[in-house]
């Protein structure tokens, strides 16, 4: 009975978001323009904001002509400064998380700055929007009545100098999940962030077999390995 109430409440909350998603789909250009202006205003007083005069940019065309196309090599010096503890370079709030790439386009891995706003407004909100659409399309769902089995990357969070951290993006997201998501997720963080892949898969299987799992969260190709 308790789990049914939890499922009903979360489903109701998710469905309320769907109206906003419909507006996004109806007015995509206007919504993107609003997002762009919000980002430019937030970053106007950063080094990049002053360098390219974000405050005077009024639309996408001006942004495209004012801000040159960058490759990682052209911003690496600024990323390195962020990793060493400097702030307010690209974004006004503290940057302490860095997603480490696998180095597929060069011999060296890349470190992508991840702000708290990116975690919450991009990754978390994207996940909630996905669930909102699902709940709208399946109003009788019981997906929240059980646990969500998550499968993240094998890279553990590495503590770098100056209180900065780097690791697999999925590991960063897991480290920052709100408590209410943690309560409905399996396995725990210790197992989710294990570095040794085969050992982690076995630990997840042994732990999750005891749980009532109603959903899967993770990279599809990794889920096939677990299956």
C-alpha atoms as a PDB file:
ATOM      1  CA  UNK A   1       0.000   0.000   0.000  1.00  0.00           C
ATOM      2  CA  UNK A   2       2.811   2.385   0.934  1.00  0.00           C
ATOM      3  CA  UNK A   3       4.665   1.726  -2.320  1.00  0.00           C
ATOM      4  CA  UNK A   4       1.436   2.255  -4.288  1.00  0.00           C
ATOM      5  CA  UNK A   5       1.095   5.708  -2.702  1.00  0.00           C
ATOM      6  CA  UNK A   6       4.713   6.518  -3.505  1.00  0.00           C
ATOM      7  CA  UNK A   7       4.220   5.404  -7.105  1.00  0.00           C
ATOM      8  CA  UNK A   8       1.015   7.453  -7.455  1.00  0.00           C
ATOM      9  CA  UNK A   9       2.583  10.594  -5.971  1.00  0.00           C
ATOM     10  CA  UNK A  10       5.740  10.496  -8.103  1.00  0.00           C
ATOM     11  CA  UNK A  11       3.740   9.725 -11.240  1.00  0.00           C
ATOM     12  CA  UNK A  12       1.460  12.687 -10.525  1.00  0.00           C
ATOM     13  CA  UNK A  13       4.439  15.009 -10.051  1.00  0.00           C
ATOM     14  CA  UNK A  14       6.021  13.810 -13.277  1.00  0.00           C
ATOM     15  CA  UNK A  15       2.826  14.307 -15.285  1.00  0.00           C
ATOM     16  CA  UNK A  16       2.589  17.946 -14.142  1.00  0.00           C
ATOM     17  CA  UNK A  17       5.859  18.660 -15.940  1.00  0.00           C
ATOM     18  CA  UNK A  18       4.484  17.404 -19.259  1.00  0.00           C
ATOM     19  CA  UNK A  19       2.550  20.615 -19.947  1.00  0.00           C
ATOM     20  CA  UNK A  20       5.816  22.552 -19.929  1.00  0.00           C
ATOM     21  CA  UNK A  21       7.377  19.989 -22.256  1.00  0.00           C
ATOM     22  CA  UNK A  22       4.467  20.476 -24.670  1.00  0.00           C
ATOM     23  CA  UNK A  23       5.192  24.226 -24.685  1.00  0.00           C
ATOM     24  CA  UNK A  24       8.842  23.500 -25.482  1.00  0.00           C
ATOM     25  CA  UNK A  25       7.755  21.409 -28.455  1.00  0.00           C
ATOM     26  CA  UNK A  26       5.282  24.069 -29.604  1.00  0.00           C
ATOM     27  CA  UNK A  27       7.730  26.972 -29.340  1.00  0.00           C
ATOM     28  CA  UNK A  28      11.213  25.431 -29.821  1.00  0.00           C
ATOM     29  CA  UNK A  29      12.923  28.539 -31.250  1.00  0.00           C
ATOM     30  CA  UNK A  30      11.594  30.847 -28.554  1.00  0.00           C
ATOM     31  CA  UNK A  31      12.546  28.438 -25.772  1.00  0.00           C
ATOM     32  CA  UNK A  32      16.088  28.028 -27.100  1.00  0.00           C
ATOM     33  CA  UNK A  33      16.469  31.793 -27.412  1.00  0.00           C
ATOM     34  CA  UNK A  34      15.355  32.183 -23.784  1.00  0.00           C
ATOM     35  CA  UNK A  35      17.838  29.532 -22.630  1.00  0.00           C
ATOM     36  CA  UNK A  36      20.679  31.162 -24.591  1.00  0.00           C
ATOM     37  CA  UNK A  37      19.945  34.602 -23.119  1.00  0.00           C
ATOM     38  CA  UNK A  38      19.787  33.144 -19.625  1.00  0.00           C
ATOM     39  CA  UNK A  39      23.177  31.482 -20.037  1.00  0.00           C
ATOM     40  CA  UNK A  40      24.752  34.636 -21.482  1.00  0.00           C
ATOM     41  CA  UNK A  41      23.427  36.753 -18.621  1.00  0.00           C
ATOM     42  CA  UNK A  42      24.707  34.292 -16.014  1.00  0.00           C
ATOM     43  CA  UNK A  43      28.175  34.182 -17.581  1.00  0.00           C
ATOM     44  CA  UNK A  44      28.456  37.888 -18.497  1.00  0.00           C
ATOM     45  CA  UNK A  45      30.943  38.690 -15.718  1.00  0.00           C
ATOM     46  CA  UNK A  46      33.227  35.725 -16.305  1.00  0.00           C
ATOM     47  CA  UNK A  47      36.477  36.007 -18.258  1.00  0.00           C
ATOM     48  CA  UNK A  48      34.816  34.565 -21.334  1.00  0.00           C
ATOM     49  CA  UNK A  49      31.796  36.791 -20.847  1.00  0.00           C
ATOM     50  CA  UNK A  50      33.968  39.890 -20.847  1.00  0.00           C
ATOM     51  CA  UNK A  51      36.189  38.615 -23.652  1.00  0.00           C
ATOM     52  CA  UNK A  52      33.256  38.173 -26.031  1.00  0.00           C
ATOM     53  CA  UNK A  53      30.979  40.798 -24.451  1.00  0.00           C
ATOM     54  CA  UNK A  54      28.151  38.383 -23.657  1.00  0.00           C
ATOM     55  CA  UNK A  55      26.085  41.218 -22.213  1.00  0.00           C
ATOM     56  CA  UNK A  56      25.584  42.833 -25.633  1.00  0.00           C
ATOM     57  CA  UNK A  57      24.624  39.632 -27.488  1.00  0.00           C
ATOM     58  CA  UNK A  58      20.921  39.621 -28.304  1.00  0.00           C
ATOM     59  CA  UNK A  59      20.357  36.508 -30.412  1.00  0.00           C
ATOM     60  CA  UNK A  60      21.873  33.301 -31.778  1.00  0.00           C
ATOM     61  CA  UNK A  61      23.208  34.969 -34.919  1.00  0.00           C
ATOM     62  CA  UNK A  62      25.198  37.477 -32.871  1.00  0.00           C
ATOM     63  CA  UNK A  63      26.491  34.707 -30.611  1.00  0.00           C
ATOM     64  CA  UNK A  64      27.622  32.652 -33.608  1.00  0.00           C
ATOM     65  CA  UNK A  65      29.452  35.583 -35.206  1.00  0.00           C
ATOM     66  CA  UNK A  66      30.971  36.838 -31.934  1.00  0.00           C
ATOM     67  CA  UNK A  67      32.164  33.590 -30.342  1.00  0.00           C
ATOM     68  CA  UNK A  68      34.516  31.507 -32.515  1.00  0.00           C
ATOM     69  CA  UNK A  69      34.199  27.748 -32.854  1.00  0.00           C
ATOM     70  CA  UNK A  70      36.490  26.111 -30.316  1.00  0.00           C
ATOM     71  CA  UNK A  71      38.216  22.757 -30.153  1.00  0.00           C
ATOM     72  CA  UNK A  72      39.428  21.227 -26.914  1.00  0.00           C
ATOM     73  CA  UNK A  73      42.996  22.198 -27.726  1.00  0.00           C
ATOM     74  CA  UNK A  74      41.999  25.876 -27.881  1.00  0.00           C
ATOM     75  CA  UNK A  75      40.355  25.844 -24.462  1.00  0.00           C
ATOM     76  CA  UNK A  76      42.676  23.399 -22.705  1.00  0.00           C
ATOM     77  CA  UNK A  77      44.684  26.168 -21.044  1.00  0.00           C
ATOM     78  CA  UNK A  78      41.516  27.544 -19.427  1.00  0.00           C
ATOM     79  CA  UNK A  79      40.414  24.040 -18.400  1.00  0.00           C
ATOM     80  CA  UNK A  80      43.796  23.460 -16.788  1.00  0.00           C
ATOM     81  CA  UNK A  81      43.385  26.697 -14.836  1.00  0.00           C
ATOM     82  CA  UNK A  82      39.981  25.514 -13.601  1.00  0.00           C
ATOM     83  CA  UNK A  83      41.486  22.195 -12.544  1.00  0.00           C
ATOM     84  CA  UNK A  84      44.160  24.063 -10.592  1.00  0.00           C
ATOM     85  CA  UNK A  85      41.493  25.920  -8.611  1.00  0.00           C
ATOM     86  CA  UNK A  86      40.899  29.176 -10.514  1.00  0.00           C
ATOM     87  CA  UNK A  87      37.248  30.143 -10.931  1.00  0.00           C
ATOM     88  CA  UNK A  88      34.973  32.523 -12.853  1.00  0.00           C
ATOM     89  CA  UNK A  89      36.681  31.739 -16.159  1.00  0.00           C
ATOM     90  CA  UNK A  90      33.888  30.180 -18.239  1.00  0.00           C
ATOM     91  CA  UNK A  91      31.080  30.023 -15.678  1.00  0.00           C
ATOM     92  CA  UNK A  92      30.393  32.105 -12.529  1.00  0.00           C
ATOM     93  CA  UNK A  93      29.797  29.319 -10.002  1.00  0.00           C
ATOM     94  CA  UNK A  94      32.423  26.944  -8.643  1.00  0.00           C
ATOM     95  CA  UNK A  95      33.662  24.249 -11.021  1.00  0.00           C
ATOM     96  CA  UNK A  96      35.003  21.257  -9.108  1.00  0.00           C
ATOM     97  CA  UNK A  97      33.821  18.318 -11.238  1.00  0.00           C
ATOM     98  CA  UNK A  98      35.466  17.256 -14.501  1.00  0.00           C
ATOM     99  CA  UNK A  99      34.179  14.502 -16.767  1.00  0.00           C
ATOM    100  CA  UNK A 100      37.135  12.527 -18.114  1.00  0.00           C
ATOM    101  CA  UNK A 101      36.762  11.400 -21.712  1.00  0.00           C
ATOM    102  CA  UNK A 102      38.059   8.077 -22.978  1.00  0.00           C
ATOM    103  CA  UNK A 103      40.479   9.776 -25.343  1.00  0.00           C
ATOM    104  CA  UNK A 104      38.789   8.479 -28.509  1.00  0.00           C
ATOM    105  CA  UNK A 105      39.782  11.439 -30.701  1.00  0.00           C
ATOM    106  CA  UNK A 106      43.368  11.779 -29.495  1.00  0.00           C
ATOM    107  CA  UNK A 107      45.948   9.930 -27.468  1.00  0.00           C
ATOM    108  CA  UNK A 108      45.136  11.913 -24.328  1.00  0.00           C
ATOM    109  CA  UNK A 109      41.943  12.071 -22.299  1.00  0.00           C
ATOM    110  CA  UNK A 110      40.020  15.332 -22.117  1.00  0.00           C
ATOM    111  CA  UNK A 111      38.652  16.900 -18.946  1.00  0.00           C
ATOM    112  CA  UNK A 112      35.238  18.485 -19.484  1.00  0.00           C
ATOM    113  CA  UNK A 113      34.167  21.036 -16.833  1.00  0.00           C
ATOM    114  CA  UNK A 114      30.844  20.105 -15.213  1.00  0.00           C
ATOM    115  CA  UNK A 115      29.072  22.797 -13.190  1.00  0.00           C
ATOM    116  CA  UNK A 116      26.446  22.078 -10.551  1.00  0.00           C
ATOM    117  CA  UNK A 117      23.929  23.796 -12.832  1.00  0.00           C
ATOM    118  CA  UNK A 118      24.839  21.400 -15.656  1.00  0.00           C
ATOM    119  CA  UNK A 119      24.269  18.440 -13.353  1.00  0.00           C
ATOM    120  CA  UNK A 120      20.902  19.697 -12.119  1.00  0.00           C
ATOM    121  CA  UNK A 121      19.502  21.604 -15.112  1.00  0.00           C
ATOM    122  CA  UNK A 122      20.779  19.286 -17.846  1.00  0.00           C
ATOM    123  CA  UNK A 123      21.322  15.748 -16.601  1.00  0.00           C
ATOM    124  CA  UNK A 124      18.828  15.580 -13.738  1.00  0.00           C
ATOM    125  CA  UNK A 125      16.131  17.601 -15.474  1.00  0.00           C
ATOM    126  CA  UNK A 126      16.610  15.606 -18.683  1.00  0.00           C
ATOM    127  CA  UNK A 127      16.011  12.410 -16.739  1.00  0.00           C
ATOM    128  CA  UNK A 128      12.912  13.845 -15.094  1.00  0.00           C
ATOM    129  CA  UNK A 129      11.570  15.033 -18.450  1.00  0.00           C
ATOM    130  CA  UNK A 130      12.053  11.539 -19.877  1.00  0.00           C
ATOM    131  CA  UNK A 131      10.064  10.085 -16.980  1.00  0.00           C
ATOM    132  CA  UNK A 132       7.404  12.786 -17.401  1.00  0.00           C
ATOM    133  CA  UNK A 133       6.861  11.794 -21.024  1.00  0.00           C
ATOM    134  CA  UNK A 134       6.762   8.110 -20.063  1.00  0.00           C
ATOM    135  CA  UNK A 135       4.205   8.731 -17.305  1.00  0.00           C
ATOM    136  CA  UNK A 136       2.051  10.788 -19.655  1.00  0.00           C
ATOM    137  CA  UNK A 137       2.108   8.038 -22.276  1.00  0.00           C
ATOM    138  CA  UNK A 138       1.556   5.285 -19.684  1.00  0.00           C
ATOM    139  CA  UNK A 139      -0.772   6.771 -17.023  1.00  0.00           C
ATOM    140  CA  UNK A 140      -1.237   3.430 -15.256  1.00  0.00           C
ATOM    141  CA  UNK A 141       2.474   2.822 -14.823  1.00  0.00           C
ATOM    142  CA  UNK A 142       3.840   1.287 -11.646  1.00  0.00           C
ATOM    143  CA  UNK A 143       7.463   2.051 -12.526  1.00  0.00           C
ATOM    144  CA  UNK A 144       8.031   3.838  -9.209  1.00  0.00           C
ATOM    145  CA  UNK A 145       6.672   1.019  -7.070  1.00  0.00           C
ATOM    146  CA  UNK A 146      10.009  -0.800  -7.150  1.00  0.00           C
ATOM    147  CA  UNK A 147      13.717  -0.018  -7.238  1.00  0.00           C
ATOM    148  CA  UNK A 148      15.648   1.420 -10.169  1.00  0.00           C
ATOM    149  CA  UNK A 149      18.696  -0.658 -11.095  1.00  0.00           C
ATOM    150  CA  UNK A 150      21.493   1.648 -12.220  1.00  0.00           C
ATOM    151  CA  UNK A 151      24.653   0.764 -14.076  1.00  0.00           C
ATOM    152  CA  UNK A 152      27.269   3.488 -14.348  1.00  0.00           C
ATOM    153  CA  UNK A 153      30.811   3.679 -15.584  1.00  0.00           C
ATOM    154  CA  UNK A 154      33.688   1.872 -13.975  1.00  0.00           C
ATOM    155  CA  UNK A 155      35.834   4.943 -13.418  1.00  0.00           C
ATOM    156  CA  UNK A 156      36.036   5.909  -9.786  1.00  0.00           C
ATOM    157  CA  UNK A 157      36.063   9.546  -8.685  1.00  0.00           C
ATOM    158  CA  UNK A 158      39.661  10.749  -8.477  1.00  0.00           C
ATOM    159  CA  UNK A 159      40.473  13.512  -6.035  1.00  0.00           C
ATOM    160  CA  UNK A 160      42.706  15.980  -7.822  1.00  0.00           C
ATOM    161  CA  UNK A 161      44.511  18.982  -6.408  1.00  0.00           C
ATOM    162  CA  UNK A 162      42.646  22.034  -5.088  1.00  0.00           C
ATOM    163  CA  UNK A 163      39.447  20.164  -4.205  1.00  0.00           C
ATOM    164  CA  UNK A 164      38.623  19.246  -7.818  1.00  0.00           C
ATOM    165  CA  UNK A 165      37.454  15.804  -8.912  1.00  0.00           C
ATOM    166  CA  UNK A 166      37.444  13.930 -12.198  1.00  0.00           C
ATOM    167  CA  UNK A 167      35.938  10.682 -13.385  1.00  0.00           C
ATOM    168  CA  UNK A 168      33.405   9.080 -15.687  1.00  0.00           C
ATOM    169  CA  UNK A 169      30.369  11.334 -16.227  1.00  0.00           C
ATOM    170  CA  UNK A 170      27.982   8.650 -14.994  1.00  0.00           C
ATOM    171  CA  UNK A 171      30.035   8.373 -11.801  1.00  0.00           C
ATOM    172  CA  UNK A 172      29.793  12.143 -11.293  1.00  0.00           C
ATOM    173  CA  UNK A 173      26.025  12.009 -11.734  1.00  0.00           C
ATOM    174  CA  UNK A 174      25.707   9.113  -9.271  1.00  0.00           C
ATOM    175  CA  UNK A 175      27.839  11.004  -6.724  1.00  0.00           C
ATOM    176  CA  UNK A 176      25.451  13.982  -6.933  1.00  0.00           C
ATOM    177  CA  UNK A 177      22.076  12.227  -6.985  1.00  0.00           C
ATOM    178  CA  UNK A 178      19.523  13.646  -4.515  1.00  0.00           C
ATOM    179  CA  UNK A 179      18.649  11.533  -1.488  1.00  0.00           C
ATOM    180  CA  UNK A 180      15.158  10.676  -2.720  1.00  0.00           C
ATOM    181  CA  UNK A 181      16.629   9.072  -5.854  1.00  0.00           C
ATOM    182  CA  UNK A 182      19.166   7.177  -3.745  1.00  0.00           C
ATOM    183  CA  UNK A 183      16.332   5.737  -1.662  1.00  0.00           C
ATOM    184  CA  UNK A 184      14.789   4.114  -4.739  1.00  0.00           C
ATOM    185  CA  UNK A 185      18.030   2.975  -6.433  1.00  0.00           C
ATOM    186  CA  UNK A 186      20.080  -0.211  -6.372  1.00  0.00           C
ATOM    187  CA  UNK A 187      22.947  -0.997  -5.919  1.00  0.00           C
ATOM    188  CA  UNK A 188      24.492   1.443  -3.437  1.00  0.00           C
ATOM    189  CA  UNK A 189      27.188   3.950  -4.379  1.00  0.00           C
ATOM    190  CA  UNK A 190      30.028   1.737  -3.211  1.00  0.00           C
ATOM    191  CA  UNK A 191      29.081  -0.952  -5.714  1.00  0.00           C
ATOM    192  CA  UNK A 192      27.956   1.464  -8.454  1.00  0.00           C
ATOM    193  CA  UNK A 193      31.357   3.175  -8.536  1.00  0.00           C
ATOM    194  CA  UNK A 194      33.552   0.070  -8.342  1.00  0.00           C
ATOM    195  CA  UNK A 195      36.447   0.260 -10.796  1.00  0.00           C
ATOM    196  CA  UNK A 196      36.812  -3.435 -11.661  1.00  0.00           C
ATOM    197  CA  UNK A 197      34.064  -4.132 -14.236  1.00  0.00           C
ATOM    198  CA  UNK A 198      33.608  -7.892 -13.831  1.00  0.00           C
ATOM    199  CA  UNK A 199      33.633  -7.627 -10.053  1.00  0.00           C
ATOM    200  CA  UNK A 200      31.066  -4.840 -10.208  1.00  0.00           C
ATOM    201  CA  UNK A 201      28.719  -6.765 -12.508  1.00  0.00           C
ATOM    202  CA  UNK A 202      28.786  -9.745 -10.127  1.00  0.00           C
ATOM    203  CA  UNK A 203      28.191  -7.498  -7.098  1.00  0.00           C
ATOM    204  CA  UNK A 204      25.251  -5.778  -8.822  1.00  0.00           C
ATOM    205  CA  UNK A 205      23.692  -9.123  -9.729  1.00  0.00           C
ATOM    206  CA  UNK A 206      24.117 -10.514  -6.201  1.00  0.00           C
ATOM    207  CA  UNK A 207      22.663  -7.375  -4.609  1.00  0.00           C
ATOM    208  CA  UNK A 208      19.830  -6.628  -7.013  1.00  0.00           C
ATOM    209  CA  UNK A 209      18.467 -10.175  -7.125  1.00  0.00           C
ATOM    210  CA  UNK A 210      17.069  -9.494  -3.659  1.00  0.00           C
ATOM    211  CA  UNK A 211      15.315  -6.288  -4.755  1.00  0.00           C
ATOM    212  CA  UNK A 212      12.006  -5.603  -6.479  1.00  0.00           C
ATOM    213  CA  UNK A 213      13.452  -3.915  -9.591  1.00  0.00           C
ATOM    214  CA  UNK A 214      10.936  -2.060 -11.771  1.00  0.00           C
ATOM    215  CA  UNK A 215      13.228   0.021 -14.001  1.00  0.00           C
ATOM    216  CA  UNK A 216      16.746   0.142 -15.454  1.00  0.00           C
ATOM    217  CA  UNK A 217      18.956   3.226 -15.700  1.00  0.00           C
ATOM    218  CA  UNK A 218      22.248   3.260 -17.561  1.00  0.00           C
ATOM    219  CA  UNK A 219      23.957   2.969 -20.929  1.00  0.00           C
ATOM    220  CA  UNK A 220      21.989   0.404 -23.006  1.00  0.00           C
ATOM    221  CA  UNK A 221      25.112  -1.424 -24.208  1.00  0.00           C
ATOM    222  CA  UNK A 222      26.237  -1.893 -20.592  1.00  0.00           C
ATOM    223  CA  UNK A 223      22.782  -3.174 -19.666  1.00  0.00           C
ATOM    224  CA  UNK A 224      23.106  -5.884 -22.307  1.00  0.00           C
ATOM    225  CA  UNK A 225      26.272  -7.081 -20.584  1.00  0.00           C
ATOM    226  CA  UNK A 226      24.428  -7.262 -17.270  1.00  0.00           C
ATOM    227  CA  UNK A 227      21.579  -9.183 -18.871  1.00  0.00           C
END
